[in-house]
């Protein structure tokens, strides 16, 4: 798949980030991961992001990463494209990107670099180095310490033909509008705020109708129903699901930092697709929070 083909895939549909399965000791559980991907693949996501943020990329080792990407690619071959997470320091991100390309992934989502702040010149150099290390498509994730300006993205677009996607995790409407107005259809755009459904209608109005759904990991039918409601401007369905599920879900998620991932693993466990515990420094939901989430999921009906 060349970068432009990936861009086309990124321009429509719902995307999601499968959880990475760990066993009781916190080690990668390949069999569970295969079963998870086989369960999710038929539900209709346009692409799946292996070892992404919800897949706890930030806690994986360099030794584990190739097996996780290889497993995802082989399991989903002919079913759904796989985009691999890559991030951390520039050299480590390059290692991940090149390994993902070797394993047959269709592109990467370039997650923010680790910890240190950097100016726009340094961010441009970082993204450019990763893009030029591979031939397949790259999607940059604007979030935390990696916040690119419209001018920086224009420079990168000129220098890096395989930079084909922009994922927003900032939620700055003015910034997002200025990026879209400047770059137009040069990029495929992806809404990427945690629990993206809450922002989906607003982002669609900005020209960003595609988003990634974390809840697809445990309520895939509802996730697709909500996506179709956004695509069809079905406000009644959107408001019903926001009121009955997503807003109370956010109330649980917001109780502790890091729960944006932990609550997804909790949901998967509740519906019978346990992905194991999260890795430190994240923490799992408390028993009473699990009960609250289970009650919300039960109200949705069969998935």
C-alpha atoms as a PDB file:
ATOM      1  CA  UNK A   1       0.000   0.000   0.000  1.00  0.00           C
ATOM      2  CA  UNK A   2       1.533   3.319  -1.044  1.00  0.00           C
ATOM      3  CA  UNK A   3       1.101   6.518   1.015  1.00  0.00           C
ATOM      4  CA  UNK A   4      -1.691   7.882  -1.171  1.00  0.00           C
ATOM      5  CA  UNK A   5      -3.665   4.653  -0.859  1.00  0.00           C
ATOM      6  CA  UNK A   6      -3.340   4.900   2.912  1.00  0.00           C
ATOM      7  CA  UNK A   7      -4.495   8.516   2.746  1.00  0.00           C
ATOM      8  CA  UNK A   8      -7.617   7.415   0.888  1.00  0.00           C
ATOM      9  CA  UNK A   9      -8.379   4.815   3.568  1.00  0.00           C
ATOM     10  CA  UNK A  10      -7.815   7.417   6.280  1.00  0.00           C
ATOM     11  CA  UNK A  11     -10.273   9.823   4.676  1.00  0.00           C
ATOM     12  CA  UNK A  12     -13.437   7.932   5.567  1.00  0.00           C
ATOM     13  CA  UNK A  13     -14.848   5.513   8.083  1.00  0.00           C
ATOM     14  CA  UNK A  14     -14.170   4.759  11.728  1.00  0.00           C
ATOM     15  CA  UNK A  15     -10.720   3.822  12.999  1.00  0.00           C
ATOM     16  CA  UNK A  16      -9.740   2.194  16.268  1.00  0.00           C
ATOM     17  CA  UNK A  17      -6.818   1.221  18.491  1.00  0.00           C
ATOM     18  CA  UNK A  18      -6.943  -2.387  19.676  1.00  0.00           C
ATOM     19  CA  UNK A  19      -5.760  -3.038  23.190  1.00  0.00           C
ATOM     20  CA  UNK A  20      -2.498  -4.922  23.589  1.00  0.00           C
ATOM     21  CA  UNK A  21      -3.142  -8.136  25.508  1.00  0.00           C
ATOM     22  CA  UNK A  22      -1.067  -8.910  28.579  1.00  0.00           C
ATOM     23  CA  UNK A  23      -1.206 -12.011  30.757  1.00  0.00           C
ATOM     24  CA  UNK A  24      -1.545 -11.982  34.547  1.00  0.00           C
ATOM     25  CA  UNK A  25       2.180 -11.262  34.851  1.00  0.00           C
ATOM     26  CA  UNK A  26       1.931  -8.311  32.470  1.00  0.00           C
ATOM     27  CA  UNK A  27       3.714 -10.056  29.564  1.00  0.00           C
ATOM     28  CA  UNK A  28       2.484  -9.900  25.969  1.00  0.00           C
ATOM     29  CA  UNK A  29      -0.255 -12.486  25.415  1.00  0.00           C
ATOM     30  CA  UNK A  30      -0.130 -13.342  21.722  1.00  0.00           C
ATOM     31  CA  UNK A  31      -3.048 -15.773  21.659  1.00  0.00           C
ATOM     32  CA  UNK A  32      -5.344 -13.258  23.357  1.00  0.00           C
ATOM     33  CA  UNK A  33      -4.232 -10.518  20.961  1.00  0.00           C
ATOM     34  CA  UNK A  34      -4.993 -12.697  17.931  1.00  0.00           C
ATOM     35  CA  UNK A  35      -8.445 -13.508  19.294  1.00  0.00           C
ATOM     36  CA  UNK A  36      -9.095  -9.807  19.942  1.00  0.00           C
ATOM     37  CA  UNK A  37      -8.174  -8.793  16.405  1.00  0.00           C
ATOM     38  CA  UNK A  38     -10.245 -11.627  14.923  1.00  0.00           C
ATOM     39  CA  UNK A  39     -13.226 -10.444  16.981  1.00  0.00           C
ATOM     40  CA  UNK A  40     -12.908  -6.769  16.033  1.00  0.00           C
ATOM     41  CA  UNK A  41     -11.923  -7.050  12.348  1.00  0.00           C
ATOM     42  CA  UNK A  42     -15.406  -7.876  10.945  1.00  0.00           C
ATOM     43  CA  UNK A  43     -17.160  -4.910  12.589  1.00  0.00           C
ATOM     44  CA  UNK A  44     -16.159  -2.522   9.810  1.00  0.00           C
ATOM     45  CA  UNK A  45     -13.369  -0.253  11.043  1.00  0.00           C
ATOM     46  CA  UNK A  46     -11.461   1.295   8.120  1.00  0.00           C
ATOM     47  CA  UNK A  47      -8.112   0.560   9.795  1.00  0.00           C
ATOM     48  CA  UNK A  48      -6.740  -0.617  13.129  1.00  0.00           C
ATOM     49  CA  UNK A  49      -3.768   0.938  14.917  1.00  0.00           C
ATOM     50  CA  UNK A  50      -1.544  -1.755  16.434  1.00  0.00           C
ATOM     51  CA  UNK A  51       0.493  -0.723  19.471  1.00  0.00           C
ATOM     52  CA  UNK A  52      -1.108   2.712  19.545  1.00  0.00           C
ATOM     53  CA  UNK A  53      -1.928   4.828  22.559  1.00  0.00           C
ATOM     54  CA  UNK A  54      -4.792   2.620  23.738  1.00  0.00           C
ATOM     55  CA  UNK A  55      -2.485  -0.312  22.973  1.00  0.00           C
ATOM     56  CA  UNK A  56      -0.026   1.067  25.567  1.00  0.00           C
ATOM     57  CA  UNK A  57       2.790   1.773  23.091  1.00  0.00           C
ATOM     58  CA  UNK A  58       4.451   3.878  25.788  1.00  0.00           C
ATOM     59  CA  UNK A  59       4.913   0.814  28.012  1.00  0.00           C
ATOM     60  CA  UNK A  60       6.186  -1.648  25.398  1.00  0.00           C
ATOM     61  CA  UNK A  61       9.795  -2.753  25.037  1.00  0.00           C
ATOM     62  CA  UNK A  62      11.764  -2.690  21.805  1.00  0.00           C
ATOM     63  CA  UNK A  63      11.895  -6.488  21.926  1.00  0.00           C
ATOM     64  CA  UNK A  64       8.110  -6.868  22.168  1.00  0.00           C
ATOM     65  CA  UNK A  65       7.209  -4.371  19.470  1.00  0.00           C
ATOM     66  CA  UNK A  66       8.088  -6.449  16.343  1.00  0.00           C
ATOM     67  CA  UNK A  67       6.037  -9.433  17.501  1.00  0.00           C
ATOM     68  CA  UNK A  68       3.012  -7.268  18.266  1.00  0.00           C
ATOM     69  CA  UNK A  69       3.080  -5.611  14.841  1.00  0.00           C
ATOM     70  CA  UNK A  70       3.774  -8.899  13.045  1.00  0.00           C
ATOM     71  CA  UNK A  71       0.868 -10.555  14.877  1.00  0.00           C
ATOM     72  CA  UNK A  72      -1.515  -7.753  13.940  1.00  0.00           C
ATOM     73  CA  UNK A  73      -0.464  -7.747  10.285  1.00  0.00           C
ATOM     74  CA  UNK A  74      -0.699 -11.508   9.891  1.00  0.00           C
ATOM     75  CA  UNK A  75      -4.011 -11.801  11.738  1.00  0.00           C
ATOM     76  CA  UNK A  76      -5.708  -8.990   9.816  1.00  0.00           C
ATOM     77  CA  UNK A  77      -4.212  -9.667   6.386  1.00  0.00           C
ATOM     78  CA  UNK A  78      -6.894  -9.273   3.748  1.00  0.00           C
ATOM     79  CA  UNK A  79      -9.391  -8.049   6.364  1.00  0.00           C
ATOM     80  CA  UNK A  80      -8.384  -4.594   7.591  1.00  0.00           C
ATOM     81  CA  UNK A  81      -5.243  -2.437   7.177  1.00  0.00           C
ATOM     82  CA  UNK A  82      -2.844  -2.155  10.109  1.00  0.00           C
ATOM     83  CA  UNK A  83      -1.202   1.131  11.052  1.00  0.00           C
ATOM     84  CA  UNK A  84       1.525   0.776  13.669  1.00  0.00           C
ATOM     85  CA  UNK A  85       2.247   3.145  16.511  1.00  0.00           C
ATOM     86  CA  UNK A  86       5.741   4.657  16.631  1.00  0.00           C
ATOM     87  CA  UNK A  87       7.145   7.267  18.965  1.00  0.00           C
ATOM     88  CA  UNK A  88       9.609   8.195  21.656  1.00  0.00           C
ATOM     89  CA  UNK A  89      12.993   9.665  20.792  1.00  0.00           C
ATOM     90  CA  UNK A  90      13.728  10.305  17.134  1.00  0.00           C
ATOM     91  CA  UNK A  91      16.070   7.335  16.798  1.00  0.00           C
ATOM     92  CA  UNK A  92      13.717   4.984  18.610  1.00  0.00           C
ATOM     93  CA  UNK A  93      10.767   6.218  16.530  1.00  0.00           C
ATOM     94  CA  UNK A  94      12.806   5.504  13.389  1.00  0.00           C
ATOM     95  CA  UNK A  95      13.572   1.994  14.648  1.00  0.00           C
ATOM     96  CA  UNK A  96       9.874   1.387  15.251  1.00  0.00           C
ATOM     97  CA  UNK A  97       8.866   2.830  11.884  1.00  0.00           C
ATOM     98  CA  UNK A  98      11.384   0.742   9.977  1.00  0.00           C
ATOM     99  CA  UNK A  99      10.432  -2.401  11.895  1.00  0.00           C
ATOM    100  CA  UNK A 100       6.728  -1.774  11.204  1.00  0.00           C
ATOM    101  CA  UNK A 101       7.535  -1.432   7.506  1.00  0.00           C
ATOM    102  CA  UNK A 102       9.514  -4.695   7.574  1.00  0.00           C
ATOM    103  CA  UNK A 103       6.630  -6.489   9.257  1.00  0.00           C
ATOM    104  CA  UNK A 104       4.194  -5.395   6.557  1.00  0.00           C
ATOM    105  CA  UNK A 105       2.243  -2.641   8.315  1.00  0.00           C
ATOM    106  CA  UNK A 106       0.558  -0.158   5.992  1.00  0.00           C
ATOM    107  CA  UNK A 107       1.867   2.959   7.725  1.00  0.00           C
ATOM    108  CA  UNK A 108       2.597   4.477  11.124  1.00  0.00           C
ATOM    109  CA  UNK A 109       0.985   6.869  13.529  1.00  0.00           C
ATOM    110  CA  UNK A 110       3.846   8.999  14.857  1.00  0.00           C
ATOM    111  CA  UNK A 111       3.076   9.509  18.536  1.00  0.00           C
ATOM    112  CA  UNK A 112       4.616  12.424  20.466  1.00  0.00           C
ATOM    113  CA  UNK A 113       8.265  12.194  21.474  1.00  0.00           C
ATOM    114  CA  UNK A 114       9.062  11.595  25.110  1.00  0.00           C
ATOM    115  CA  UNK A 115       8.994  14.230  27.866  1.00  0.00           C
ATOM    116  CA  UNK A 116      11.038  17.199  26.715  1.00  0.00           C
ATOM    117  CA  UNK A 117       9.533  20.308  25.172  1.00  0.00           C
ATOM    118  CA  UNK A 118      10.902  21.391  21.805  1.00  0.00           C
ATOM    119  CA  UNK A 119      10.560  24.336  19.452  1.00  0.00           C
ATOM    120  CA  UNK A 120       8.980  24.121  16.025  1.00  0.00           C
ATOM    121  CA  UNK A 121      12.358  23.755  14.302  1.00  0.00           C
ATOM    122  CA  UNK A 122      13.151  20.703  16.408  1.00  0.00           C
ATOM    123  CA  UNK A 123       9.706  19.196  15.904  1.00  0.00           C
ATOM    124  CA  UNK A 124      10.043  19.609  12.145  1.00  0.00           C
ATOM    125  CA  UNK A 125      13.435  17.878  12.222  1.00  0.00           C
ATOM    126  CA  UNK A 126      12.004  15.019  14.299  1.00  0.00           C
ATOM    127  CA  UNK A 127       8.996  14.352  12.052  1.00  0.00           C
ATOM    128  CA  UNK A 128      11.057  14.789   8.878  1.00  0.00           C
ATOM    129  CA  UNK A 129      13.686  12.284  10.033  1.00  0.00           C
ATOM    130  CA  UNK A 130      11.050   9.647  10.744  1.00  0.00           C
ATOM    131  CA  UNK A 131       9.235  10.246   7.455  1.00  0.00           C
ATOM    132  CA  UNK A 132      12.449   9.980   5.442  1.00  0.00           C
ATOM    133  CA  UNK A 133      13.417   6.719   7.154  1.00  0.00           C
ATOM    134  CA  UNK A 134      10.533   4.809   5.530  1.00  0.00           C
ATOM    135  CA  UNK A 135       8.594   4.651   2.278  1.00  0.00           C
ATOM    136  CA  UNK A 136       5.093   4.013   3.568  1.00  0.00           C
ATOM    137  CA  UNK A 137       2.614   6.589   4.854  1.00  0.00           C
ATOM    138  CA  UNK A 138       3.053   8.551   8.084  1.00  0.00           C
ATOM    139  CA  UNK A 139       0.317  10.172  10.203  1.00  0.00           C
ATOM    140  CA  UNK A 140       1.508  12.695  12.773  1.00  0.00           C
ATOM    141  CA  UNK A 141      -0.263  12.933  16.134  1.00  0.00           C
ATOM    142  CA  UNK A 142      -0.557  16.526  17.381  1.00  0.00           C
ATOM    143  CA  UNK A 143      -0.650  16.192  21.155  1.00  0.00           C
ATOM    144  CA  UNK A 144       1.174  17.065  24.375  1.00  0.00           C
ATOM    145  CA  UNK A 145       4.803  18.023  23.624  1.00  0.00           C
ATOM    146  CA  UNK A 146       4.339  17.698  19.847  1.00  0.00           C
ATOM    147  CA  UNK A 147       2.097  20.555  18.741  1.00  0.00           C
ATOM    148  CA  UNK A 148       2.845  21.607  15.189  1.00  0.00           C
ATOM    149  CA  UNK A 149       1.708  24.939  13.772  1.00  0.00           C
ATOM    150  CA  UNK A 150       0.097  25.309  10.333  1.00  0.00           C
ATOM    151  CA  UNK A 151       3.367  26.796   9.063  1.00  0.00           C
ATOM    152  CA  UNK A 152       5.386  23.835  10.348  1.00  0.00           C
ATOM    153  CA  UNK A 153       2.977  21.375   8.748  1.00  0.00           C
ATOM    154  CA  UNK A 154       3.281  23.217   5.430  1.00  0.00           C
ATOM    155  CA  UNK A 155       7.071  22.865   5.596  1.00  0.00           C
ATOM    156  CA  UNK A 156       6.781  19.165   6.409  1.00  0.00           C
ATOM    157  CA  UNK A 157       4.256  18.611   3.623  1.00  0.00           C
ATOM    158  CA  UNK A 158       6.751  20.046   1.129  1.00  0.00           C
ATOM    159  CA  UNK A 159       9.664  18.000   2.435  1.00  0.00           C
ATOM    160  CA  UNK A 160       7.873  14.709   3.141  1.00  0.00           C
ATOM    161  CA  UNK A 161       5.512  13.399   0.436  1.00  0.00           C
ATOM    162  CA  UNK A 162       4.725  10.347   2.584  1.00  0.00           C
ATOM    163  CA  UNK A 163       3.387  12.497   5.446  1.00  0.00           C
ATOM    164  CA  UNK A 164      -0.253  11.980   4.545  1.00  0.00           C
ATOM    165  CA  UNK A 165      -2.217  12.271   7.758  1.00  0.00           C
ATOM    166  CA  UNK A 166      -2.797  14.586  10.693  1.00  0.00           C
ATOM    167  CA  UNK A 167      -4.389  13.402  13.935  1.00  0.00           C
ATOM    168  CA  UNK A 168      -5.493  16.050  16.414  1.00  0.00           C
ATOM    169  CA  UNK A 169      -5.336  15.342  20.119  1.00  0.00           C
ATOM    170  CA  UNK A 170      -5.260  18.972  21.282  1.00  0.00           C
ATOM    171  CA  UNK A 171      -8.857  20.098  20.851  1.00  0.00           C
ATOM    172  CA  UNK A 172      -8.012  23.686  19.968  1.00  0.00           C
ATOM    173  CA  UNK A 173     -10.753  24.584  17.484  1.00  0.00           C
ATOM    174  CA  UNK A 174      -8.981  27.732  16.284  1.00  0.00           C
ATOM    175  CA  UNK A 175      -5.754  25.806  15.643  1.00  0.00           C
ATOM    176  CA  UNK A 176      -7.580  22.961  13.916  1.00  0.00           C
ATOM    177  CA  UNK A 177      -9.472  25.388  11.689  1.00  0.00           C
ATOM    178  CA  UNK A 178      -6.307  27.233  10.714  1.00  0.00           C
ATOM    179  CA  UNK A 179      -4.544  23.954   9.879  1.00  0.00           C
ATOM    180  CA  UNK A 180      -7.434  22.766   7.742  1.00  0.00           C
ATOM    181  CA  UNK A 181      -7.741  26.112   5.977  1.00  0.00           C
ATOM    182  CA  UNK A 182      -4.019  26.175   5.193  1.00  0.00           C
ATOM    183  CA  UNK A 183      -3.457  22.539   4.252  1.00  0.00           C
ATOM    184  CA  UNK A 184      -6.818  21.621   2.681  1.00  0.00           C
ATOM    185  CA  UNK A 185      -6.844  18.128   1.212  1.00  0.00           C
ATOM    186  CA  UNK A 186      -3.060  17.706   1.424  1.00  0.00           C
ATOM    187  CA  UNK A 187      -3.700  15.588   4.544  1.00  0.00           C
ATOM    188  CA  UNK A 188      -6.272  13.110   5.704  1.00  0.00           C
ATOM    189  CA  UNK A 189      -7.522  14.396   9.064  1.00  0.00           C
ATOM    190  CA  UNK A 190      -8.367  12.329  12.100  1.00  0.00           C
ATOM    191  CA  UNK A 191     -10.021  13.384  15.342  1.00  0.00           C
ATOM    192  CA  UNK A 192      -8.006  11.881  18.160  1.00  0.00           C
ATOM    193  CA  UNK A 193      -9.073  13.332  21.478  1.00  0.00           C
ATOM    194  CA  UNK A 194      -9.713  10.754  24.203  1.00  0.00           C
ATOM    195  CA  UNK A 195     -13.296   9.492  23.875  1.00  0.00           C
ATOM    196  CA  UNK A 196     -13.520  11.085  20.447  1.00  0.00           C
ATOM    197  CA  UNK A 197     -17.271  10.518  20.145  1.00  0.00           C
ATOM    198  CA  UNK A 198     -17.894  13.515  22.407  1.00  0.00           C
ATOM    199  CA  UNK A 199     -16.178  15.789  19.853  1.00  0.00           C
ATOM    200  CA  UNK A 200     -17.199  13.989  16.670  1.00  0.00           C
ATOM    201  CA  UNK A 201     -20.009  16.291  15.488  1.00  0.00           C
ATOM    202  CA  UNK A 202     -17.937  19.436  16.088  1.00  0.00           C
ATOM    203  CA  UNK A 203     -14.963  18.018  14.224  1.00  0.00           C
ATOM    204  CA  UNK A 204     -17.116  16.929  11.333  1.00  0.00           C
ATOM    205  CA  UNK A 205     -18.259  20.547  10.992  1.00  0.00           C
ATOM    206  CA  UNK A 206     -14.571  21.553  10.785  1.00  0.00           C
ATOM    207  CA  UNK A 207     -13.961  19.191   7.867  1.00  0.00           C
ATOM    208  CA  UNK A 208     -12.680  16.288   9.973  1.00  0.00           C
ATOM    209  CA  UNK A 209     -15.380  13.599   9.786  1.00  0.00           C
ATOM    210  CA  UNK A 210     -13.048  10.688  10.600  1.00  0.00           C
ATOM    211  CA  UNK A 211     -12.082   9.793  14.169  1.00  0.00           C
ATOM    212  CA  UNK A 212     -10.635   6.949  16.186  1.00  0.00           C
ATOM    213  CA  UNK A 213     -12.827   5.170  18.705  1.00  0.00           C
ATOM    214  CA  UNK A 214     -11.407   3.616  21.860  1.00  0.00           C
ATOM    215  CA  UNK A 215     -14.779   2.190  22.951  1.00  0.00           C
ATOM    216  CA  UNK A 216     -14.786   0.117  19.739  1.00  0.00           C
ATOM    217  CA  UNK A 217     -12.631  -2.237  21.848  1.00  0.00           C
ATOM    218  CA  UNK A 218     -15.585  -3.355  23.948  1.00  0.00           C
ATOM    219  CA  UNK A 219     -18.804  -2.007  22.395  1.00  0.00           C
ATOM    220  CA  UNK A 220     -17.984  -2.220  18.673  1.00  0.00           C
ATOM    221  CA  UNK A 221     -21.618  -2.237  17.524  1.00  0.00           C
ATOM    222  CA  UNK A 222     -22.434   0.895  19.518  1.00  0.00           C
ATOM    223  CA  UNK A 223     -19.225   2.549  18.290  1.00  0.00           C
ATOM    224  CA  UNK A 224     -20.248   1.910  14.682  1.00  0.00           C
ATOM    225  CA  UNK A 225     -23.833   3.028  15.372  1.00  0.00           C
ATOM    226  CA  UNK A 226     -22.528   6.316  16.757  1.00  0.00           C
ATOM    227  CA  UNK A 227     -20.186   6.800  13.791  1.00  0.00           C
ATOM    228  CA  UNK A 228     -23.060   6.287  11.342  1.00  0.00           C
ATOM    229  CA  UNK A 229     -25.194   8.722  13.347  1.00  0.00           C
ATOM    230  CA  UNK A 230     -22.455  11.352  12.974  1.00  0.00           C
ATOM    231  CA  UNK A 231     -22.018  10.592   9.266  1.00  0.00           C
ATOM    232  CA  UNK A 232     -25.783  10.919   8.688  1.00  0.00           C
ATOM    233  CA  UNK A 233     -26.292  13.938  10.973  1.00  0.00           C
ATOM    234  CA  UNK A 234     -28.617  11.828  13.107  1.00  0.00           C
ATOM    235  CA  UNK A 235     -28.587  14.088  16.145  1.00  0.00           C
ATOM    236  CA  UNK A 236     -31.279  12.134  17.986  1.00  0.00           C
ATOM    237  CA  UNK A 237     -29.113   9.003  18.102  1.00  0.00           C
ATOM    238  CA  UNK A 238     -26.005  10.987  18.946  1.00  0.00           C
ATOM    239  CA  UNK A 239     -27.705  12.773  21.826  1.00  0.00           C
ATOM    240  CA  UNK A 240     -29.260   9.559  23.152  1.00  0.00           C
ATOM    241  CA  UNK A 241     -25.914   7.737  23.240  1.00  0.00           C
ATOM    242  CA  UNK A 242     -24.079  10.755  24.639  1.00  0.00           C
ATOM    243  CA  UNK A 243     -26.655  11.127  27.406  1.00  0.00           C
ATOM    244  CA  UNK A 244     -27.122   7.448  28.244  1.00  0.00           C
ATOM    245  CA  UNK A 245     -23.560   6.169  27.835  1.00  0.00           C
ATOM    246  CA  UNK A 246     -20.752   8.542  26.913  1.00  0.00           C
ATOM    247  CA  UNK A 247     -21.248  11.300  29.490  1.00  0.00           C
ATOM    248  CA  UNK A 248     -21.558   8.894  32.460  1.00  0.00           C
ATOM    249  CA  UNK A 249     -18.629   6.959  30.952  1.00  0.00           C
ATOM    250  CA  UNK A 250     -16.559  10.159  31.014  1.00  0.00           C
ATOM    251  CA  UNK A 251     -17.466  10.671  34.660  1.00  0.00           C
ATOM    252  CA  UNK A 252     -15.777   7.343  35.472  1.00  0.00           C
ATOM    253  CA  UNK A 253     -12.850   7.949  33.115  1.00  0.00           C
ATOM    254  CA  UNK A 254     -12.093  11.349  34.626  1.00  0.00           C
ATOM    255  CA  UNK A 255     -11.744  10.045  38.178  1.00  0.00           C
ATOM    256  CA  UNK A 256      -8.047   9.209  37.739  1.00  0.00           C
ATOM    257  CA  UNK A 257      -5.343  10.280  35.309  1.00  0.00           C
ATOM    258  CA  UNK A 258      -4.551   7.496  32.860  1.00  0.00           C
ATOM    259  CA  UNK A 259      -8.023   5.982  33.027  1.00  0.00           C
ATOM    260  CA  UNK A 260      -8.535   6.807  29.327  1.00  0.00           C
ATOM    261  CA  UNK A 261      -6.687   3.529  28.685  1.00  0.00           C
ATOM    262  CA  UNK A 262      -7.572   1.672  31.883  1.00  0.00           C
ATOM    263  CA  UNK A 263     -11.323   2.070  31.383  1.00  0.00           C
ATOM    264  CA  UNK A 264     -11.077   0.529  27.916  1.00  0.00           C
ATOM    265  CA  UNK A 265      -9.326  -2.543  29.298  1.00  0.00           C
ATOM    266  CA  UNK A 266     -11.976  -2.682  32.002  1.00  0.00           C
ATOM    267  CA  UNK A 267     -14.723  -2.583  29.384  1.00  0.00           C
ATOM    268  CA  UNK A 268     -13.101  -5.391  27.411  1.00  0.00           C
ATOM    269  CA  UNK A 269     -12.949  -7.522  30.560  1.00  0.00           C
ATOM    270  CA  UNK A 270     -16.604  -6.870  31.342  1.00  0.00           C
ATOM    271  CA  UNK A 271     -17.780  -8.018  27.885  1.00  0.00           C
ATOM    272  CA  UNK A 272     -15.723 -11.221  28.013  1.00  0.00           C
ATOM    273  CA  UNK A 273     -12.653 -10.150  26.033  1.00  0.00           C
ATOM    274  CA  UNK A 274     -10.186  -9.630  28.874  1.00  0.00           C
ATOM    275  CA  UNK A 275      -6.915  -8.034  27.740  1.00  0.00           C
ATOM    276  CA  UNK A 276      -5.259  -8.376  31.119  1.00  0.00           C
ATOM    277  CA  UNK A 277      -4.052  -5.598  33.409  1.00  0.00           C
ATOM    278  CA  UNK A 278      -2.580  -2.273  32.367  1.00  0.00           C
ATOM    279  CA  UNK A 279       1.124  -1.776  32.935  1.00  0.00           C
ATOM    280  CA  UNK A 280       2.505   0.702  35.443  1.00  0.00           C
ATOM    281  CA  UNK A 281       2.396   3.658  35.719  1.00  0.00           C
ATOM    282  CA  UNK A 282      -1.260   3.163  34.733  1.00  0.00           C
ATOM    283  CA  UNK A 283      -3.631   1.613  37.264  1.00  0.00           C
ATOM    284  CA  UNK A 284      -6.703  -0.565  36.767  1.00  0.00           C
ATOM    285  CA  UNK A 285     -10.205   0.552  37.690  1.00  0.00           C
ATOM    286  CA  UNK A 286     -11.371  -0.085  41.247  1.00  0.00           C
ATOM    287  CA  UNK A 287     -14.098  -2.729  41.829  1.00  0.00           C
ATOM    288  CA  UNK A 288     -16.842  -0.153  42.393  1.00  0.00           C
ATOM    289  CA  UNK A 289     -15.846   1.653  39.176  1.00  0.00           C
ATOM    290  CA  UNK A 290     -16.007  -1.652  37.319  1.00  0.00           C
ATOM    291  CA  UNK A 291     -19.556  -2.100  38.579  1.00  0.00           C
ATOM    292  CA  UNK A 292     -20.540   1.377  37.384  1.00  0.00           C
ATOM    293  CA  UNK A 293     -19.108   0.667  33.943  1.00  0.00           C
ATOM    294  CA  UNK A 294     -20.755  -2.761  33.741  1.00  0.00           C
ATOM    295  CA  UNK A 295     -24.142  -1.174  34.411  1.00  0.00           C
ATOM    296  CA  UNK A 296     -23.630   1.323  31.582  1.00  0.00           C
ATOM    297  CA  UNK A 297     -22.595  -1.395  29.143  1.00  0.00           C
ATOM    298  CA  UNK A 298     -25.536  -3.632  30.083  1.00  0.00           C
ATOM    299  CA  UNK A 299     -27.996  -0.874  29.160  1.00  0.00           C
ATOM    300  CA  UNK A 300     -26.623  -0.831  25.595  1.00  0.00           C
ATOM    301  CA  UNK A 301     -27.738  -4.374  24.873  1.00  0.00           C
ATOM    302  CA  UNK A 302     -25.945  -7.064  22.836  1.00  0.00           C
ATOM    303  CA  UNK A 303     -22.924  -6.031  20.810  1.00  0.00           C
END
